[in-house]
Amino acid sequence: RVIAGHKRFLACRKLGWKTVPVVVQSAVTPETPVAGDDAAGLPARP
């Protein structure tokens, strides 16, 4: 399940990437505050 980075994930899929580099953090829950472009509702940067 993607908790943060949805826009980057979708951009990678649109580019046809077979794999997407990720960081898996087991301690993150949906209730955990997330900082970054997705959380702020900002457009994805190239």
PDB file of N, CA and C in Angstrom:
ATOM      1  N   ARG A   1       0.849  -1.175   0.000  1.00  0.00           N
ATOM      2  CA  ARG A   1       0.000   0.000   0.000  1.00  0.00           C
ATOM      3  C   ARG A   1       0.892   1.235   0.000  1.00  0.00           C
ATOM      4  N   VAL A   2       0.578   2.164  -0.852  1.00  0.00           N
ATOM      5  CA  VAL A   2       1.338   3.419  -0.935  1.00  0.00           C
ATOM      6  C   VAL A   2       0.718   4.412   0.036  1.00  0.00           C
ATOM      7  N   ILE A   3       1.534   4.899   0.994  1.00  0.00           N
ATOM      8  CA  ILE A   3       1.050   5.889   1.962  1.00  0.00           C
ATOM      9  C   ILE A   3       1.489   7.284   1.546  1.00  0.00           C
ATOM     10  N   ALA A   4       2.670   7.401   0.954  1.00  0.00           N
ATOM     11  CA  ALA A   4       3.184   8.687   0.480  1.00  0.00           C
ATOM     12  C   ALA A   4       3.884   8.451  -0.850  1.00  0.00           C
ATOM     13  N   GLY A   5       3.824   9.426  -1.745  1.00  0.00           N
ATOM     14  CA  GLY A   5       4.499   9.308  -3.031  1.00  0.00           C
ATOM     15  C   GLY A   5       3.611   8.818  -4.159  1.00  0.00           C
ATOM     16  N   HIS A   6       2.313   8.957  -3.992  1.00  0.00           N
ATOM     17  CA  HIS A   6       1.377   8.489  -5.011  1.00  0.00           C
ATOM     18  C   HIS A   6       1.640   9.118  -6.378  1.00  0.00           C
ATOM     19  N   LYS A   7       1.898  10.418  -6.387  1.00  0.00           N
ATOM     20  CA  LYS A   7       2.105  11.119  -7.664  1.00  0.00           C
ATOM     21  C   LYS A   7       3.363  10.628  -8.363  1.00  0.00           C
ATOM     22  N   ARG A   8       4.430  10.415  -7.612  1.00  0.00           N
ATOM     23  CA  ARG A   8       5.666   9.909  -8.216  1.00  0.00           C
ATOM     24  C   ARG A   8       5.477   8.490  -8.732  1.00  0.00           C
ATOM     25  N   PHE A   9       4.745   7.676  -7.961  1.00  0.00           N
ATOM     26  CA  PHE A   9       4.469   6.310  -8.390  1.00  0.00           C
ATOM     27  C   PHE A   9       3.686   6.307  -9.702  1.00  0.00           C
ATOM     28  N   LEU A  10       2.657   7.125  -9.788  1.00  0.00           N
ATOM     29  CA  LEU A  10       1.864   7.194 -11.016  1.00  0.00           C
ATOM     30  C   LEU A  10       2.685   7.737 -12.183  1.00  0.00           C
ATOM     31  N   ALA A  11       3.568   8.700 -11.921  1.00  0.00           N
ATOM     32  CA  ALA A  11       4.429   9.237 -12.976  1.00  0.00           C
ATOM     33  C   ALA A  11       5.360   8.153 -13.504  1.00  0.00           C
ATOM     34  N   CYS A  12       5.910   7.352 -12.611  1.00  0.00           N
ATOM     35  CA  CYS A  12       6.792   6.256 -13.036  1.00  0.00           C
ATOM     36  C   CYS A  12       6.032   5.246 -13.877  1.00  0.00           C
ATOM     37  N   ARG A  13       4.813   4.933 -13.491  1.00  0.00           N
ATOM     38  CA  ARG A  13       3.993   4.000 -14.281  1.00  0.00           C
ATOM     39  C   ARG A  13       3.710   4.585 -15.662  1.00  0.00           C
ATOM     40  N   LYS A  14       3.400   5.886 -15.708  1.00  0.00           N
ATOM     41  CA  LYS A  14       3.103   6.533 -16.985  1.00  0.00           C
ATOM     42  C   LYS A  14       4.321   6.515 -17.903  1.00  0.00           C
ATOM     43  N   LEU A  15       5.520   6.597 -17.310  1.00  0.00           N
ATOM     44  CA  LEU A  15       6.763   6.537 -18.083  1.00  0.00           C
ATOM     45  C   LEU A  15       7.103   5.118 -18.527  1.00  0.00           C
ATOM     46  N   GLY A  16       6.350   4.147 -18.037  1.00  0.00           N
ATOM     47  CA  GLY A  16       6.582   2.769 -18.431  1.00  0.00           C
ATOM     48  C   GLY A  16       7.647   2.050 -17.619  1.00  0.00           C
ATOM     49  N   TRP A  17       8.023   2.622 -16.483  1.00  0.00           N
ATOM     50  CA  TRP A  17       9.029   1.982 -15.641  1.00  0.00           C
ATOM     51  C   TRP A  17       8.479   0.655 -15.127  1.00  0.00           C
ATOM     52  N   LYS A  18       9.312  -0.374 -15.157  1.00  0.00           N
ATOM     53  CA  LYS A  18       8.923  -1.693 -14.651  1.00  0.00           C
ATOM     54  C   LYS A  18       9.078  -1.764 -13.135  1.00  0.00           C
ATOM     55  N   THR A  19      10.031  -1.006 -12.597  1.00  0.00           N
ATOM     56  CA  THR A  19      10.240  -0.961 -11.150  1.00  0.00           C
ATOM     57  C   THR A  19      10.349   0.493 -10.713  1.00  0.00           C
ATOM     58  N   VAL A  20      10.019   0.732  -9.462  1.00  0.00           N
ATOM     59  CA  VAL A  20      10.086   2.074  -8.886  1.00  0.00           C
ATOM     60  C   VAL A  20      10.887   1.982  -7.591  1.00  0.00           C
ATOM     61  N   PRO A  21      11.965   2.776  -7.459  1.00  0.00           N
ATOM     62  CA  PRO A  21      12.718   2.737  -6.207  1.00  0.00           C
ATOM     63  C   PRO A  21      11.864   3.272  -5.053  1.00  0.00           C
ATOM     64  N   VAL A  22      11.845   2.531  -3.966  1.00  0.00           N
ATOM     65  CA  VAL A  22      11.023   2.922  -2.815  1.00  0.00           C
ATOM     66  C   VAL A  22      11.795   2.742  -1.514  1.00  0.00           C
ATOM     67  N   VAL A  23      11.269   3.347  -0.468  1.00  0.00           N
ATOM     68  CA  VAL A  23      11.753   3.127   0.892  1.00  0.00           C
ATOM     69  C   VAL A  23      10.581   2.538   1.665  1.00  0.00           C
ATOM     70  N   VAL A  24      10.775   1.360   2.226  1.00  0.00           N
ATOM     71  CA  VAL A  24       9.722   0.697   2.990  1.00  0.00           C
ATOM     72  C   VAL A  24       9.972   0.944   4.470  1.00  0.00           C
ATOM     73  N   GLN A  25       8.966   1.494   5.135  1.00  0.00           N
ATOM     74  CA  GLN A  25       9.058   1.762   6.571  1.00  0.00           C
ATOM     75  C   GLN A  25       7.877   1.085   7.253  1.00  0.00           C
ATOM     76  N   SER A  26       8.142   0.047   7.993  1.00  0.00           N
ATOM     77  CA  SER A  26       7.059  -0.708   8.620  1.00  0.00           C
ATOM     78  C   SER A  26       6.382   0.059   9.756  1.00  0.00           C
ATOM     79  N   ALA A  27       7.041   1.052  10.321  1.00  0.00           N
ATOM     80  CA  ALA A  27       6.473   1.802  11.437  1.00  0.00           C
ATOM     81  C   ALA A  27       5.473   2.862  10.991  1.00  0.00           C
ATOM     82  N   VAL A  28       5.396   3.137   9.710  1.00  0.00           N
ATOM     83  CA  VAL A  28       4.489   4.169   9.210  1.00  0.00           C
ATOM     84  C   VAL A  28       3.074   3.601   9.148  1.00  0.00           C
ATOM     85  N   THR A  29       2.128   4.361   9.659  1.00  0.00           N
ATOM     86  CA  THR A  29       0.721   3.979   9.617  1.00  0.00           C
ATOM     87  C   THR A  29      -0.062   5.091   8.935  1.00  0.00           C
ATOM     88  N   PRO A  30      -1.276   4.815   8.516  1.00  0.00           N
ATOM     89  CA  PRO A  30      -2.073   5.882   7.886  1.00  0.00           C
ATOM     90  C   PRO A  30      -2.272   7.094   8.789  1.00  0.00           C
ATOM     91  N   GLU A  31      -2.167   6.907  10.101  1.00  0.00           N
ATOM     92  CA  GLU A  31      -2.344   8.019  11.035  1.00  0.00           C
ATOM     93  C   GLU A  31      -1.080   8.853  11.194  1.00  0.00           C
ATOM     94  N   THR A  32       0.064   8.344  10.730  1.00  0.00           N
ATOM     95  CA  THR A  32       1.333   9.047  10.867  1.00  0.00           C
ATOM     96  C   THR A  32       1.345  10.265   9.951  1.00  0.00           C
ATOM     97  N   PRO A  33       1.696  11.448  10.474  1.00  0.00           N
ATOM     98  CA  PRO A  33       1.794  12.629   9.605  1.00  0.00           C
ATOM     99  C   PRO A  33       2.850  12.411   8.523  1.00  0.00           C
ATOM    100  N   VAL A  34       2.525  12.814   7.309  1.00  0.00           N
ATOM    101  CA  VAL A  34       3.440  12.647   6.182  1.00  0.00           C
ATOM    102  C   VAL A  34       3.767  14.018   5.623  1.00  0.00           C
ATOM    103  N   ALA A  35       5.047  14.311   5.473  1.00  0.00           N
ATOM    104  CA  ALA A  35       5.475  15.579   4.881  1.00  0.00           C
ATOM    105  C   ALA A  35       5.904  15.335   3.451  1.00  0.00           C
ATOM    106  N   GLY A  36       5.750  16.336   2.611  1.00  0.00           N
ATOM    107  CA  GLY A  36       6.200  16.208   1.238  1.00  0.00           C
ATOM    108  C   GLY A  36       5.185  16.758   0.264  1.00  0.00           C
ATOM    109  N   ASP A  37       5.487  16.622  -1.010  1.00  0.00           N
ATOM    110  CA  ASP A  37       4.629  17.173  -2.054  1.00  0.00           C
ATOM    111  C   ASP A  37       3.226  16.586  -2.023  1.00  0.00           C
ATOM    112  N   ASP A  38       3.109  15.257  -1.868  1.00  0.00           N
ATOM    113  CA  ASP A  38       1.794  14.632  -1.887  1.00  0.00           C
ATOM    114  C   ASP A  38       0.931  15.125  -0.731  1.00  0.00           C
ATOM    115  N   ALA A  39       1.520  15.222   0.449  1.00  0.00           N
ATOM    116  CA  ALA A  39       0.764  15.653   1.622  1.00  0.00           C
ATOM    117  C   ALA A  39       0.326  17.104   1.490  1.00  0.00           C
ATOM    118  N   ALA A  40       1.134  17.921   0.834  1.00  0.00           N
ATOM    119  CA  ALA A  40       0.824  19.339   0.694  1.00  0.00           C
ATOM    120  C   ALA A  40      -0.087  19.616  -0.494  1.00  0.00           C
ATOM    121  N   GLY A  41      -0.332  18.601  -1.323  1.00  0.00           N
ATOM    122  CA  GLY A  41      -1.172  18.793  -2.492  1.00  0.00           C
ATOM    123  C   GLY A  41      -0.493  19.576  -3.597  1.00  0.00           C
ATOM    124  N   LEU A  42       0.832  19.613  -3.578  1.00  0.00           N
ATOM    125  CA  LEU A  42       1.578  20.335  -4.603  1.00  0.00           C
ATOM    126  C   LEU A  42       1.750  19.471  -5.842  1.00  0.00           C
ATOM    127  N   PRO A  43       1.905  20.079  -7.014  1.00  0.00           N
ATOM    128  CA  PRO A  43       2.128  19.288  -8.221  1.00  0.00           C
ATOM    129  C   PRO A  43       3.473  18.558  -8.144  1.00  0.00           C
ATOM    130  N   ALA A  44       3.539  17.410  -8.785  1.00  0.00           N
ATOM    131  CA  ALA A  44       4.784  16.642  -8.814  1.00  0.00           C
ATOM    132  C   ALA A  44       5.844  17.404  -9.594  1.00  0.00           C
ATOM    133  N   ARG A  45       7.071  17.325  -9.113  1.00  0.00           N
ATOM    134  CA  ARG A  45       8.193  17.965  -9.804  1.00  0.00           C
ATOM    135  C   ARG A  45       8.932  16.909 -10.615  1.00  0.00           C
ATOM    136  N   PRO A  46       9.473  17.289 -11.771  1.00  0.00           N
ATOM    137  CA  PRO A  46      10.213  16.303 -12.574  1.00  0.00           C
ATOM    138  C   PRO A  46      11.481  15.846 -11.895  1.00  0.00           C
TER     139      PRO A  46
END
